[in-house]
Amino acid sequence: MKKIFNIQFLTAIAFILLSCSKSDAPTSEGELGTVKGKVVTSDGRPVGGAKIVISSVIWYNENNVVTTSADGTYKRKLAGPDNDAWYAYASIQKEYNGKKYTVDLHPESTEDFLPTKEITRNFTWKLTGEQVGRSTGIYGGLVTVGSEPGEFYDFTNVVLTLTPQGPLIDGSKGSTITVAVPESQKLEVPIGRYKVSAVYTQPGKNQKAMKVRLSNTGSYNTSAIVDFSPSTDFCKNCLTVDVKE
């Protein structure tokens, strides 16, 4: 009889443990802290409408989400488990030249934090550079320089000129970029609409203007107006330019 009772008792305990879920975890929402901060552009202008996600380090899909106001500020009282660390990341969706882009924002701090303190997490809308923290990739747009099969190979002797056609994606005024194509045939520039031209600079020979086009689009000309694609099967915020002599 005692053996049967022990088996029933252990079975009941196991059932209770299996029935526990994240929602049953102890919480003290009244004691949880506040996360606040500000989002600005690289030149210090406030960014309204940025999405801030404050996420649990342990629990899947346990998020607090808040959007910045017109002055770029936000403040969020945390709700959720109080026995976990949290981290914050941010992005902004922007309609630009008829396309919708999603751009990750640069965190001032990438450290996790406990929920019982008042925490400040600021972000910057950087136009170029390697992403940090849990994000990977770059903040800018990726330009790949290529050609039709068999058309051209000497890419490292090509110099591109990209001239902004209006404001950049963050509303700032861009500058003309002149850059030699690296061996990778890839380079990062701020997301914008550009007029692209190219010259062939063979050593010991005169520079020669090349013909360019947005890859697999239209005919070749001495320049082309190009926009970045917000998303493709292979990359985000990218474009490919074809060149030929």
C-alpha atoms as a PDB file:
ATOM      1  CA  MET A   1       0.000   0.000   0.000  1.00  0.00           C
ATOM      2  CA  LYS A   2       2.812   2.376   0.908  1.00  0.00           C
ATOM      3  CA  LYS A   3       4.493   1.602  -2.429  1.00  0.00           C
ATOM      4  CA  ILE A   4       1.303   2.456  -4.344  1.00  0.00           C
ATOM      5  CA  PHE A   5       0.955   5.740  -2.431  1.00  0.00           C
ATOM      6  CA  ASN A   6       4.555   6.716  -3.247  1.00  0.00           C
ATOM      7  CA  ILE A   7       4.000   6.010  -6.934  1.00  0.00           C
ATOM      8  CA  GLN A   8       0.819   8.124  -6.949  1.00  0.00           C
ATOM      9  CA  PHE A   9       2.559  10.954  -5.086  1.00  0.00           C
ATOM     10  CA  LEU A  10       5.529  10.997  -7.481  1.00  0.00           C
ATOM     11  CA  THR A  11       3.181  10.885 -10.467  1.00  0.00           C
ATOM     12  CA  ALA A  12       1.286  13.910  -9.139  1.00  0.00           C
ATOM     13  CA  ILE A  13       4.511  15.858  -8.601  1.00  0.00           C
ATOM     14  CA  ALA A  14       5.694  15.039 -12.126  1.00  0.00           C
ATOM     15  CA  PHE A  15       2.364  16.183 -13.575  1.00  0.00           C
ATOM     16  CA  ILE A  16       2.616  19.515 -11.738  1.00  0.00           C
ATOM     17  CA  LEU A  17       6.176  20.104 -12.958  1.00  0.00           C
ATOM     18  CA  LEU A  18       5.268  19.272 -16.549  1.00  0.00           C
ATOM     19  CA  SER A  19       2.267  21.583 -16.349  1.00  0.00           C
ATOM     20  CA  CYS A  20       4.417  24.571 -15.422  1.00  0.00           C
ATOM     21  CA  SER A  21       5.112  27.044 -18.211  1.00  0.00           C
ATOM     22  CA  LYS A  22       6.736  30.427 -18.621  1.00  0.00           C
ATOM     23  CA  SER A  23       3.454  32.070 -17.668  1.00  0.00           C
ATOM     24  CA  ASP A  24       3.664  30.350 -14.265  1.00  0.00           C
ATOM     25  CA  ALA A  25       7.141  31.729 -13.588  1.00  0.00           C
ATOM     26  CA  PRO A  26       7.248  34.127 -10.662  1.00  0.00           C
ATOM     27  CA  THR A  27       6.772  37.719 -11.685  1.00  0.00           C
ATOM     28  CA  SER A  28       6.839  40.988  -9.850  1.00  0.00           C
ATOM     29  CA  GLU A  29       5.630  43.335 -12.523  1.00  0.00           C
ATOM     30  CA  GLY A  30       5.159  46.116 -10.017  1.00  0.00           C
ATOM     31  CA  GLU A  31       8.886  45.944  -9.231  1.00  0.00           C
ATOM     32  CA  LEU A  32      10.184  45.768 -12.794  1.00  0.00           C
ATOM     33  CA  GLY A  33      12.261  48.632 -14.064  1.00  0.00           C
ATOM     34  CA  THR A  34      11.892  51.103 -16.912  1.00  0.00           C
ATOM     35  CA  VAL A  35      13.851  51.314 -20.144  1.00  0.00           C
ATOM     36  CA  LYS A  36      14.150  54.732 -21.763  1.00  0.00           C
ATOM     37  CA  GLY A  37      16.290  56.425 -24.352  1.00  0.00           C
ATOM     38  CA  LYS A  38      16.506  58.382 -27.563  1.00  0.00           C
ATOM     39  CA  VAL A  39      17.112  57.674 -31.239  1.00  0.00           C
ATOM     40  CA  VAL A  40      18.961  60.208 -33.394  1.00  0.00           C
ATOM     41  CA  THR A  41      20.521  60.344 -36.839  1.00  0.00           C
ATOM     42  CA  SER A  42      24.290  60.452 -37.258  1.00  0.00           C
ATOM     43  CA  ASP A  43      24.107  64.261 -37.354  1.00  0.00           C
ATOM     44  CA  GLY A  44      21.949  64.463 -34.218  1.00  0.00           C
ATOM     45  CA  ARG A  45      18.408  64.864 -35.578  1.00  0.00           C
ATOM     46  CA  PRO A  46      15.665  63.052 -33.600  1.00  0.00           C
ATOM     47  CA  VAL A  47      14.143  59.961 -35.214  1.00  0.00           C
ATOM     48  CA  GLY A  48      10.429  59.431 -34.624  1.00  0.00           C
ATOM     49  CA  GLY A  49       8.705  56.140 -35.415  1.00  0.00           C
ATOM     50  CA  ALA A  50      11.669  53.905 -34.610  1.00  0.00           C
ATOM     51  CA  LYS A  51      10.747  50.518 -33.159  1.00  0.00           C
ATOM     52  CA  ILE A  52      12.494  49.545 -29.909  1.00  0.00           C
ATOM     53  CA  VAL A  53      12.292  45.885 -28.869  1.00  0.00           C
ATOM     54  CA  ILE A  54      13.285  44.946 -25.327  1.00  0.00           C
ATOM     55  CA  SER A  55      13.693  41.191 -25.343  1.00  0.00           C
ATOM     56  CA  SER A  56      14.227  38.486 -22.748  1.00  0.00           C
ATOM     57  CA  VAL A  57      17.586  36.761 -22.939  1.00  0.00           C
ATOM     58  CA  ILE A  58      16.082  33.392 -21.903  1.00  0.00           C
ATOM     59  CA  TRP A  59      12.386  33.273 -22.788  1.00  0.00           C
ATOM     60  CA  TYR A  60      11.446  32.937 -26.444  1.00  0.00           C
ATOM     61  CA  ASN A  61       9.257  35.725 -27.831  1.00  0.00           C
ATOM     62  CA  GLU A  62       9.048  37.550 -24.495  1.00  0.00           C
ATOM     63  CA  ASN A  63       9.268  41.118 -25.772  1.00  0.00           C
ATOM     64  CA  ASN A  64       8.364  44.644 -24.749  1.00  0.00           C
ATOM     65  CA  VAL A  65       7.875  46.878 -27.791  1.00  0.00           C
ATOM     66  CA  VAL A  66       7.718  50.665 -27.926  1.00  0.00           C
ATOM     67  CA  THR A  67       7.925  53.306 -30.669  1.00  0.00           C
ATOM     68  CA  THR A  68       9.803  56.587 -30.428  1.00  0.00           C
ATOM     69  CA  SER A  69       7.860  59.839 -30.430  1.00  0.00           C
ATOM     70  CA  ALA A  70       8.517  62.752 -32.782  1.00  0.00           C
ATOM     71  CA  ASP A  71      11.370  63.997 -30.566  1.00  0.00           C
ATOM     72  CA  GLY A  72      13.091  60.609 -30.824  1.00  0.00           C
ATOM     73  CA  THR A  73      12.497  59.591 -27.203  1.00  0.00           C
ATOM     74  CA  TYR A  74      10.853  56.500 -25.743  1.00  0.00           C
ATOM     75  CA  LYS A  75      10.075  55.069 -22.319  1.00  0.00           C
ATOM     76  CA  ARG A  76       8.773  51.609 -21.481  1.00  0.00           C
ATOM     77  CA  LYS A  77       7.849  50.012 -18.170  1.00  0.00           C
ATOM     78  CA  LEU A  78       8.897  46.372 -18.426  1.00  0.00           C
ATOM     79  CA  ALA A  79       6.347  43.602 -18.132  1.00  0.00           C
ATOM     80  CA  GLY A  80       7.312  39.931 -17.867  1.00  0.00           C
ATOM     81  CA  PRO A  81       9.522  37.649 -15.777  1.00  0.00           C
ATOM     82  CA  ASP A  82      11.644  39.380 -13.176  1.00  0.00           C
ATOM     83  CA  ASN A  83      14.235  36.601 -12.944  1.00  0.00           C
ATOM     84  CA  ASP A  84      15.839  37.180 -16.315  1.00  0.00           C
ATOM     85  CA  ALA A  85      18.208  39.543 -18.086  1.00  0.00           C
ATOM     86  CA  TRP A  86      17.018  41.668 -21.019  1.00  0.00           C
ATOM     87  CA  TYR A  87      18.562  43.367 -24.031  1.00  0.00           C
ATOM     88  CA  ALA A  88      17.353  46.077 -26.401  1.00  0.00           C
ATOM     89  CA  TYR A  89      17.577  46.455 -30.163  1.00  0.00           C
ATOM     90  CA  ALA A  90      15.981  48.861 -32.605  1.00  0.00           C
ATOM     91  CA  SER A  91      15.052  49.354 -36.241  1.00  0.00           C
ATOM     92  CA  ILE A  92      13.109  51.735 -38.422  1.00  0.00           C
ATOM     93  CA  GLN A  93      10.901  51.195 -41.456  1.00  0.00           C
ATOM     94  CA  LYS A  94      11.167  53.951 -44.006  1.00  0.00           C
ATOM     95  CA  GLU A  95       9.237  54.657 -47.196  1.00  0.00           C
ATOM     96  CA  TYR A  96      11.813  55.985 -49.632  1.00  0.00           C
ATOM     97  CA  ASN A  97      11.440  56.554 -53.368  1.00  0.00           C
ATOM     98  CA  GLY A  98       8.444  54.237 -53.524  1.00  0.00           C
ATOM     99  CA  LYS A  99      10.025  51.357 -51.591  1.00  0.00           C
ATOM    100  CA  LYS A 100       9.820  50.298 -47.943  1.00  0.00           C
ATOM    101  CA  TYR A 101      13.178  49.725 -46.265  1.00  0.00           C
ATOM    102  CA  THR A 102      13.914  48.240 -42.848  1.00  0.00           C
ATOM    103  CA  VAL A 103      17.130  49.533 -41.310  1.00  0.00           C
ATOM    104  CA  ASP A 104      18.714  48.344 -38.052  1.00  0.00           C
ATOM    105  CA  LEU A 105      19.848  51.065 -35.655  1.00  0.00           C
ATOM    106  CA  HIS A 106      23.180  51.249 -33.870  1.00  0.00           C
ATOM    107  CA  PRO A 107      23.009  50.673 -30.074  1.00  0.00           C
ATOM    108  CA  GLU A 108      25.004  52.887 -27.754  1.00  0.00           C
ATOM    109  CA  SER A 109      25.362  49.845 -25.469  1.00  0.00           C
ATOM    110  CA  THR A 110      25.076  46.129 -26.252  1.00  0.00           C
ATOM    111  CA  GLU A 111      25.128  44.955 -22.624  1.00  0.00           C
ATOM    112  CA  ASP A 112      22.297  42.866 -21.168  1.00  0.00           C
ATOM    113  CA  PHE A 113      20.612  44.322 -18.106  1.00  0.00           C
ATOM    114  CA  LEU A 114      18.487  43.294 -15.121  1.00  0.00           C
ATOM    115  CA  PRO A 115      14.839  44.401 -15.076  1.00  0.00           C
ATOM    116  CA  THR A 116      14.817  45.956 -11.601  1.00  0.00           C
ATOM    117  CA  LYS A 117      16.717  49.093 -12.571  1.00  0.00           C
ATOM    118  CA  GLU A 118      16.009  52.141 -14.687  1.00  0.00           C
ATOM    119  CA  ILE A 119      18.048  51.596 -17.808  1.00  0.00           C
ATOM    120  CA  THR A 120      18.947  53.964 -20.644  1.00  0.00           C
ATOM    121  CA  ARG A 121      19.479  52.560 -24.110  1.00  0.00           C
ATOM    122  CA  ASN A 122      20.127  55.092 -26.884  1.00  0.00           C
ATOM    123  CA  PHE A 123      20.418  54.345 -30.597  1.00  0.00           C
ATOM    124  CA  THR A 124      21.848  56.065 -33.666  1.00  0.00           C
ATOM    125  CA  TRP A 125      20.716  55.763 -37.260  1.00  0.00           C
ATOM    126  CA  LYS A 126      24.107  55.105 -38.808  1.00  0.00           C
ATOM    127  CA  LEU A 127      24.351  55.167 -42.595  1.00  0.00           C
ATOM    128  CA  THR A 128      27.391  52.890 -42.897  1.00  0.00           C
ATOM    129  CA  GLY A 129      29.499  50.546 -40.810  1.00  0.00           C
ATOM    130  CA  GLU A 130      29.493  47.043 -39.372  1.00  0.00           C
ATOM    131  CA  GLN A 131      26.575  46.210 -37.105  1.00  0.00           C
ATOM    132  CA  VAL A 132      27.298  45.333 -33.479  1.00  0.00           C
ATOM    133  CA  GLY A 133      25.756  43.288 -30.696  1.00  0.00           C
ATOM    134  CA  ARG A 134      23.349  40.539 -31.719  1.00  0.00           C
ATOM    135  CA  SER A 135      22.893  42.059 -35.181  1.00  0.00           C
ATOM    136  CA  THR A 136      25.060  41.089 -38.128  1.00  0.00           C
ATOM    137  CA  GLY A 137      25.736  42.751 -41.456  1.00  0.00           C
ATOM    138  CA  ILE A 138      26.119  46.427 -42.312  1.00  0.00           C
ATOM    139  CA  TYR A 139      24.064  49.560 -41.720  1.00  0.00           C
ATOM    140  CA  GLY A 140      24.433  50.865 -45.273  1.00  0.00           C
ATOM    141  CA  GLY A 141      23.557  49.599 -48.725  1.00  0.00           C
ATOM    142  CA  LEU A 142      25.648  46.938 -50.448  1.00  0.00           C
ATOM    143  CA  VAL A 143      26.779  47.650 -54.022  1.00  0.00           C
ATOM    144  CA  THR A 144      28.103  44.731 -56.071  1.00  0.00           C
ATOM    145  CA  VAL A 145      29.944  45.421 -59.330  1.00  0.00           C
ATOM    146  CA  GLY A 146      29.639  42.696 -61.959  1.00  0.00           C
ATOM    147  CA  SER A 147      29.205  42.052 -65.654  1.00  0.00           C
ATOM    148  CA  GLU A 148      27.451  39.760 -68.047  1.00  0.00           C
ATOM    149  CA  PRO A 149      29.227  36.377 -68.365  1.00  0.00           C
ATOM    150  CA  GLY A 150      32.470  36.762 -70.277  1.00  0.00           C
ATOM    151  CA  GLU A 151      32.026  40.508 -70.795  1.00  0.00           C
ATOM    152  CA  PHE A 152      34.560  41.948 -68.320  1.00  0.00           C
ATOM    153  CA  TYR A 153      36.915  40.720 -65.582  1.00  0.00           C
ATOM    154  CA  ASP A 154      39.362  43.488 -64.603  1.00  0.00           C
ATOM    155  CA  PHE A 155      37.188  44.965 -61.830  1.00  0.00           C
ATOM    156  CA  THR A 156      39.988  46.225 -59.569  1.00  0.00           C
ATOM    157  CA  ASN A 157      40.931  48.755 -62.255  1.00  0.00           C
ATOM    158  CA  VAL A 158      37.408  50.190 -62.290  1.00  0.00           C
ATOM    159  CA  VAL A 159      36.567  53.396 -60.426  1.00  0.00           C
ATOM    160  CA  LEU A 160      32.915  54.087 -59.640  1.00  0.00           C
ATOM    161  CA  THR A 161      31.356  57.492 -59.075  1.00  0.00           C
ATOM    162  CA  LEU A 162      28.037  57.588 -57.229  1.00  0.00           C
ATOM    163  CA  THR A 163      26.256  60.944 -57.168  1.00  0.00           C
ATOM    164  CA  PRO A 164      23.223  61.255 -54.838  1.00  0.00           C
ATOM    165  CA  GLN A 165      19.952  62.152 -56.532  1.00  0.00           C
ATOM    166  CA  GLY A 166      18.193  63.918 -53.663  1.00  0.00           C
ATOM    167  CA  PRO A 167      18.386  63.300 -49.907  1.00  0.00           C
ATOM    168  CA  LEU A 168      19.646  60.008 -48.494  1.00  0.00           C
ATOM    169  CA  ILE A 169      17.284  57.622 -46.717  1.00  0.00           C
ATOM    170  CA  ASP A 170      17.633  59.446 -43.376  1.00  0.00           C
ATOM    171  CA  GLY A 171      16.841  62.819 -44.969  1.00  0.00           C
ATOM    172  CA  SER A 172      20.419  64.080 -44.913  1.00  0.00           C
ATOM    173  CA  LYS A 173      22.297  65.512 -47.855  1.00  0.00           C
ATOM    174  CA  GLY A 174      24.671  62.994 -49.349  1.00  0.00           C
ATOM    175  CA  SER A 175      28.044  63.550 -50.972  1.00  0.00           C
ATOM    176  CA  THR A 176      29.435  62.266 -54.253  1.00  0.00           C
ATOM    177  CA  ILE A 177      31.403  59.048 -53.701  1.00  0.00           C
ATOM    178  CA  THR A 178      34.312  58.091 -55.932  1.00  0.00           C
ATOM    179  CA  VAL A 179      35.822  54.718 -55.095  1.00  0.00           C
ATOM    180  CA  ALA A 180      37.976  52.007 -56.684  1.00  0.00           C
ATOM    181  CA  VAL A 181      36.254  48.637 -56.866  1.00  0.00           C
ATOM    182  CA  PRO A 182      37.853  46.225 -54.348  1.00  0.00           C
ATOM    183  CA  GLU A 183      38.762  42.603 -55.085  1.00  0.00           C
ATOM    184  CA  SER A 184      35.529  41.467 -53.460  1.00  0.00           C
ATOM    185  CA  GLN A 185      33.623  43.587 -56.029  1.00  0.00           C
ATOM    186  CA  LYS A 186      31.457  44.760 -53.117  1.00  0.00           C
ATOM    187  CA  LEU A 187      31.327  48.105 -51.367  1.00  0.00           C
ATOM    188  CA  GLU A 188      29.106  49.825 -48.810  1.00  0.00           C
ATOM    189  CA  VAL A 189      27.539  53.251 -49.272  1.00  0.00           C
ATOM    190  CA  PRO A 190      24.665  55.072 -47.535  1.00  0.00           C
ATOM    191  CA  ILE A 191      21.252  53.970 -48.813  1.00  0.00           C
ATOM    192  CA  GLY A 192      20.072  56.490 -51.375  1.00  0.00           C
ATOM    193  CA  ARG A 193      19.245  56.998 -55.026  1.00  0.00           C
ATOM    194  CA  TYR A 194      22.406  57.476 -57.069  1.00  0.00           C
ATOM    195  CA  LYS A 195      23.586  58.244 -60.569  1.00  0.00           C
ATOM    196  CA  VAL A 196      26.371  55.737 -61.177  1.00  0.00           C
ATOM    197  CA  SER A 197      29.182  56.035 -63.714  1.00  0.00           C
ATOM    198  CA  ALA A 198      32.458  54.163 -64.112  1.00  0.00           C
ATOM    199  CA  VAL A 199      35.894  54.597 -65.671  1.00  0.00           C
ATOM    200  CA  TYR A 200      38.444  51.963 -66.595  1.00  0.00           C
ATOM    201  CA  THR A 201      41.889  52.899 -65.249  1.00  0.00           C
ATOM    202  CA  GLN A 202      44.376  50.436 -66.726  1.00  0.00           C
ATOM    203  CA  PRO A 203      47.967  51.159 -65.560  1.00  0.00           C
ATOM    204  CA  GLY A 204      49.936  53.064 -68.182  1.00  0.00           C
ATOM    205  CA  LYS A 205      46.850  53.844 -70.263  1.00  0.00           C
ATOM    206  CA  ASN A 206      44.414  56.718 -70.414  1.00  0.00           C
ATOM    207  CA  GLN A 207      41.229  56.426 -68.397  1.00  0.00           C
ATOM    208  CA  LYS A 208      38.277  55.262 -70.422  1.00  0.00           C
ATOM    209  CA  ALA A 209      34.592  55.829 -69.633  1.00  0.00           C
ATOM    210  CA  MET A 210      32.672  52.580 -69.272  1.00  0.00           C
ATOM    211  CA  LYS A 211      29.071  51.690 -69.921  1.00  0.00           C
ATOM    212  CA  VAL A 212      26.910  50.783 -66.932  1.00  0.00           C
ATOM    213  CA  ARG A 213      23.432  49.602 -66.065  1.00  0.00           C
ATOM    214  CA  LEU A 214      21.477  48.228 -63.126  1.00  0.00           C
ATOM    215  CA  SER A 215      22.129  44.494 -63.412  1.00  0.00           C
ATOM    216  CA  ASN A 216      19.917  42.722 -65.950  1.00  0.00           C
ATOM    217  CA  THR A 217      17.820  45.863 -66.336  1.00  0.00           C
ATOM    218  CA  GLY A 218      17.552  47.915 -69.491  1.00  0.00           C
ATOM    219  CA  SER A 219      20.342  48.992 -71.814  1.00  0.00           C
ATOM    220  CA  TYR A 220      23.875  50.205 -71.103  1.00  0.00           C
ATOM    221  CA  ASN A 221      24.664  53.933 -70.918  1.00  0.00           C
ATOM    222  CA  THR A 222      27.470  56.146 -69.669  1.00  0.00           C
ATOM    223  CA  SER A 223      25.527  56.430 -66.387  1.00  0.00           C
ATOM    224  CA  ALA A 224      22.531  54.849 -64.696  1.00  0.00           C
ATOM    225  CA  ILE A 225      20.083  55.940 -61.982  1.00  0.00           C
ATOM    226  CA  VAL A 226      19.883  53.164 -59.386  1.00  0.00           C
ATOM    227  CA  ASP A 227      17.932  52.363 -56.217  1.00  0.00           C
ATOM    228  CA  PHE A 228      18.649  49.696 -53.610  1.00  0.00           C
ATOM    229  CA  SER A 229      16.361  46.676 -53.313  1.00  0.00           C
ATOM    230  CA  PRO A 230      15.001  46.418 -49.747  1.00  0.00           C
ATOM    231  CA  SER A 231      15.097  42.621 -49.859  1.00  0.00           C
ATOM    232  CA  THR A 232      16.081  39.882 -52.307  1.00  0.00           C
ATOM    233  CA  ASP A 233      16.691  36.139 -52.033  1.00  0.00           C
ATOM    234  CA  PHE A 234      20.367  36.868 -51.436  1.00  0.00           C
ATOM    235  CA  CYS A 235      20.716  40.163 -49.583  1.00  0.00           C
ATOM    236  CA  LYS A 236      19.056  43.121 -47.879  1.00  0.00           C
ATOM    237  CA  ASN A 237      19.309  46.745 -49.051  1.00  0.00           C
ATOM    238  CA  CYS A 238      21.522  45.884 -52.013  1.00  0.00           C
ATOM    239  CA  LEU A 239      22.013  46.438 -55.734  1.00  0.00           C
ATOM    240  CA  THR A 240      24.248  45.143 -58.528  1.00  0.00           C
ATOM    241  CA  VAL A 241      25.744  47.271 -61.280  1.00  0.00           C
ATOM    242  CA  ASP A 242      26.916  45.721 -64.554  1.00  0.00           C
ATOM    243  CA  VAL A 243      29.855  47.350 -66.324  1.00  0.00           C
ATOM    244  CA  LYS A 244      31.500  46.847 -69.725  1.00  0.00           C
ATOM    245  CA  GLU A 245      33.989  48.620 -71.977  1.00  0.00           C
END
